[in-house]
């Protein structure tokens, strides 16, 4: 009889053991799905953030490249103005005014202007040597004698300046807010 009980005990143990190894419980499945969902959400959030950073970096590089290109073009206009019979300053001011050779506004492919603005950027020639850096909105060391007469008291040097401050500003709108680059520099006439 002992032998029979021994076989019966082994059969029961085998049956219980087989059931225990036969599949996953609902708790195990739920836990596995929860871990999977958390991992997917984290991966998606990371990918979205990386895409946002990539776009932001792309926009910033496009703006910086545009500013660099405009700066080079303005310097070339300044060099051409030194041989202009009408004078350096009038040549530069005319070229950087609305309708001039370069104009007073900038459009950058791929950048969205701020709401209410038609263009992404502006080019300003400063012809008032009495202004200061705060009024101009850039660090240029103003007021400064721009026409070489020994003082910084002239409100308009557009006809006789030897040195012209220029401020290139690019403002654009992104999903994460508004961005701006301000680039001040000088154009020399002599």
Protein backbone atom coordinates (compact mmCIF):
# COMPACT_ATOMS: atom_id res chain seq x y z
CA UNK A 1 0.00 0.00 0.00
CA UNK A 2 2.81 2.27 0.64
CA UNK A 3 3.91 1.89 -2.89
CA UNK A 4 0.48 2.97 -4.13
CA UNK A 5 0.50 6.05 -1.91
CA UNK A 6 3.95 6.84 -3.10
CA UNK A 7 2.78 6.77 -6.73
CA UNK A 8 -0.32 8.79 -5.90
CA UNK A 9 1.77 11.43 -4.07
CA UNK A 10 4.14 11.73 -6.97
CA UNK A 11 1.26 12.04 -9.42
CA UNK A 12 -0.31 14.82 -7.36
CA UNK A 13 3.00 16.67 -7.05
CA UNK A 14 3.57 16.34 -10.80
CA UNK A 15 0.07 17.67 -11.57
CA UNK A 16 0.51 20.66 -9.22
CA UNK A 17 3.95 21.33 -10.58
CA UNK A 18 2.70 21.20 -14.17
CA UNK A 19 -0.11 23.66 -13.42
CA UNK A 20 2.31 26.07 -11.71
CA UNK A 21 4.62 26.02 -14.73
CA UNK A 22 1.82 26.05 -17.27
CA UNK A 23 1.40 29.84 -17.80
CA UNK A 24 1.60 33.35 -16.46
CA UNK A 25 -0.71 34.69 -13.82
CA UNK A 26 -2.70 37.88 -14.40
CA UNK A 27 -0.45 39.73 -11.97
CA UNK A 28 2.64 38.76 -13.96
CA UNK A 29 1.02 39.81 -17.25
CA UNK A 30 -0.17 43.12 -15.75
CA UNK A 31 3.27 43.85 -14.34
CA UNK A 32 4.95 43.06 -17.67
CA UNK A 33 2.51 45.30 -19.57
CA UNK A 34 3.02 48.13 -17.08
CA UNK A 35 6.79 47.97 -17.51
CA UNK A 36 6.36 47.89 -21.29
CA UNK A 37 4.01 50.92 -21.31
CA UNK A 38 6.34 52.93 -19.06
CA UNK A 39 9.28 52.11 -21.32
CA UNK A 40 7.32 53.13 -24.45
CA UNK A 41 6.16 56.40 -22.88
CA UNK A 42 9.72 57.25 -21.79
CA UNK A 43 11.10 56.45 -25.24
CA UNK A 44 8.41 58.53 -26.96
CA UNK A 45 8.98 61.48 -24.64
CA UNK A 46 12.72 61.26 -25.21
CA UNK A 47 12.26 61.15 -29.00
CA UNK A 48 9.91 64.15 -28.94
CA UNK A 49 12.36 66.16 -26.83
CA UNK A 50 15.25 65.23 -29.14
CA UNK A 51 13.22 66.31 -32.18
CA UNK A 52 12.39 69.61 -30.48
CA UNK A 53 16.07 70.21 -29.66
CA UNK A 54 17.08 69.28 -33.20
CA UNK A 55 14.58 71.76 -34.66
CA UNK A 56 15.64 74.48 -32.23
CA UNK A 57 19.30 73.94 -33.09
CA UNK A 58 18.51 73.96 -36.82
CA UNK A 59 16.63 77.26 -36.46
CA UNK A 60 19.41 78.86 -34.42
CA UNK A 61 22.06 77.80 -36.96
CA UNK A 62 19.92 79.15 -39.82
CA UNK A 63 19.56 82.48 -37.99
CA UNK A 64 23.29 82.67 -37.21
CA UNK A 65 24.19 81.87 -40.81
CA UNK A 66 21.81 84.57 -42.04
CA UNK A 67 23.33 87.13 -39.66
CA UNK A 68 26.85 86.20 -40.79
CA UNK A 69 25.84 86.48 -44.45
CA UNK A 70 24.17 89.86 -43.91
CA UNK A 71 27.20 91.13 -42.00
CA UNK A 72 29.50 90.17 -44.87
CA UNK A 73 27.20 91.81 -47.42
CA UNK A 74 27.01 95.02 -45.37
CA UNK A 75 30.82 95.11 -45.09
CA UNK A 76 31.03 94.67 -48.89
CA UNK A 77 28.56 97.54 -49.37
CA UNK A 78 30.73 99.64 -47.06
CA UNK A 79 33.86 98.86 -49.08
CA UNK A 80 32.04 99.77 -52.29
CA UNK A 81 30.89 103.02 -50.69
CA UNK A 82 34.45 104.24 -50.15
CA UNK A 83 34.81 104.75 -53.89
CA UNK A 84 31.30 106.19 -54.39
CA UNK A 85 31.41 109.83 -55.53
CA UNK A 86 28.40 110.55 -53.32
CA UNK A 87 30.31 109.42 -50.24
CA UNK A 88 30.62 106.38 -48.02
CA UNK A 89 27.82 107.15 -45.57
CA UNK A 90 25.10 108.03 -48.12
CA UNK A 91 25.99 104.89 -50.09
CA UNK A 92 25.64 102.60 -47.04
CA UNK A 93 22.50 104.32 -45.74
CA UNK A 94 20.82 104.10 -49.17
CA UNK A 95 21.76 100.43 -49.61
CA UNK A 96 20.37 99.51 -46.19
CA UNK A 97 17.16 101.52 -46.45
CA UNK A 98 13.83 100.14 -47.61
CA UNK A 99 14.09 99.55 -51.36
CA UNK A 100 17.88 99.83 -51.29
CA UNK A 101 20.43 97.31 -52.55
CA UNK A 102 20.12 95.11 -49.46
CA UNK A 103 17.12 96.73 -47.81
CA UNK A 104 16.23 97.08 -44.16
CA UNK A 105 14.54 93.71 -43.60
CA UNK A 106 15.63 90.07 -43.60
CA UNK A 107 13.77 86.89 -44.42
CA UNK A 108 15.33 83.57 -43.46
CA UNK A 109 14.06 80.41 -45.12
CA UNK A 110 12.56 78.08 -42.51
CA UNK A 111 12.15 80.68 -39.75
CA UNK A 112 8.72 81.96 -38.75
CA UNK A 113 8.40 85.70 -38.07
CA UNK A 114 6.97 86.79 -34.73
CA UNK A 115 3.20 87.25 -34.75
CA UNK A 116 2.40 90.62 -36.29
CA UNK A 117 5.75 90.86 -38.11
CA UNK A 118 6.14 90.50 -41.85
CA UNK A 119 9.86 89.72 -41.70
CA UNK A 120 12.19 87.74 -39.45
CA UNK A 121 14.88 90.39 -39.19
CA UNK A 122 15.92 93.98 -39.54
CA UNK A 123 19.07 95.88 -40.45
CA UNK A 124 19.48 99.25 -38.77
CA UNK A 125 22.14 101.82 -39.60
CA UNK A 126 22.72 104.15 -36.66
CA UNK A 127 23.27 107.73 -37.86
CA UNK A 128 22.64 109.56 -34.57
CA UNK A 129 25.96 109.79 -32.74
CA UNK A 130 24.26 111.21 -29.62
CA UNK A 131 22.38 107.97 -28.86
CA UNK A 132 23.63 105.45 -26.36
CA UNK A 133 23.72 101.66 -26.22
CA UNK A 134 20.41 101.51 -24.36
CA UNK A 135 18.55 103.49 -27.03
CA UNK A 136 20.10 101.37 -29.78
CA UNK A 137 19.50 98.08 -27.97
CA UNK A 138 23.02 96.77 -28.52
CA UNK A 139 26.50 97.15 -27.07
CA UNK A 140 28.37 99.42 -29.48
CA UNK A 141 30.11 101.85 -27.11
CA UNK A 142 27.83 104.75 -27.98
CA UNK A 143 27.77 107.74 -27.96
CA UNK A 144 30.69 107.93 -30.34
CA UNK A 145 32.08 110.46 -32.85
CA UNK A 146 31.00 108.92 -36.16
CA UNK A 147 31.91 111.74 -38.53
CA UNK A 148 35.36 112.60 -37.17
CA UNK A 149 34.58 116.20 -36.14
CA UNK A 150 35.90 115.70 -32.61
CA UNK A 151 32.58 115.45 -30.77
CA UNK A 152 29.61 113.11 -30.47
CA UNK A 153 26.91 115.79 -30.72
CA UNK A 154 25.49 115.39 -34.23
CA UNK A 155 21.98 113.94 -34.47
CA UNK A 156 22.37 112.98 -38.15
CA UNK A 157 25.66 111.92 -39.73
CA UNK A 158 24.09 110.08 -42.68
CA UNK A 159 25.82 112.40 -45.15
CA UNK A 160 29.33 112.58 -43.73
CA UNK A 161 30.08 109.66 -41.37
CA UNK A 162 33.38 107.79 -41.56
CA UNK A 163 32.13 105.08 -39.23
CA UNK A 164 28.61 103.64 -39.13
CA UNK A 165 27.21 101.35 -36.45
CA UNK A 166 24.90 98.65 -37.83
CA UNK A 167 22.61 96.38 -35.84
CA UNK A 168 21.30 93.19 -37.42
CA UNK A 169 18.44 91.65 -35.45
CA UNK A 170 16.75 88.33 -36.20
CA UNK A 171 13.60 87.40 -34.27
CA UNK A 172 11.65 84.23 -34.91
CA UNK A 173 8.86 82.20 -33.36
CA UNK A 174 9.17 78.54 -32.37
CA UNK A 175 6.92 76.07 -30.60
CA UNK A 176 8.89 76.64 -27.42
CA UNK A 177 8.80 80.45 -27.57
CA UNK A 178 10.29 83.44 -29.32
CA UNK A 179 14.02 83.63 -30.08
CA UNK A 180 16.26 86.58 -30.92
CA UNK A 181 19.81 87.21 -32.11
CA UNK A 182 21.16 90.77 -32.04
CA UNK A 183 24.47 91.38 -33.84
CA UNK A 184 25.99 94.88 -33.63
CA UNK A 185 29.07 95.83 -35.67
CA UNK A 186 30.75 98.79 -37.39
CA UNK A 187 31.25 99.58 -41.05
CA UNK A 188 34.34 101.72 -41.75
CA UNK A 189 34.52 104.23 -44.55
CA UNK A 190 38.19 105.14 -44.57
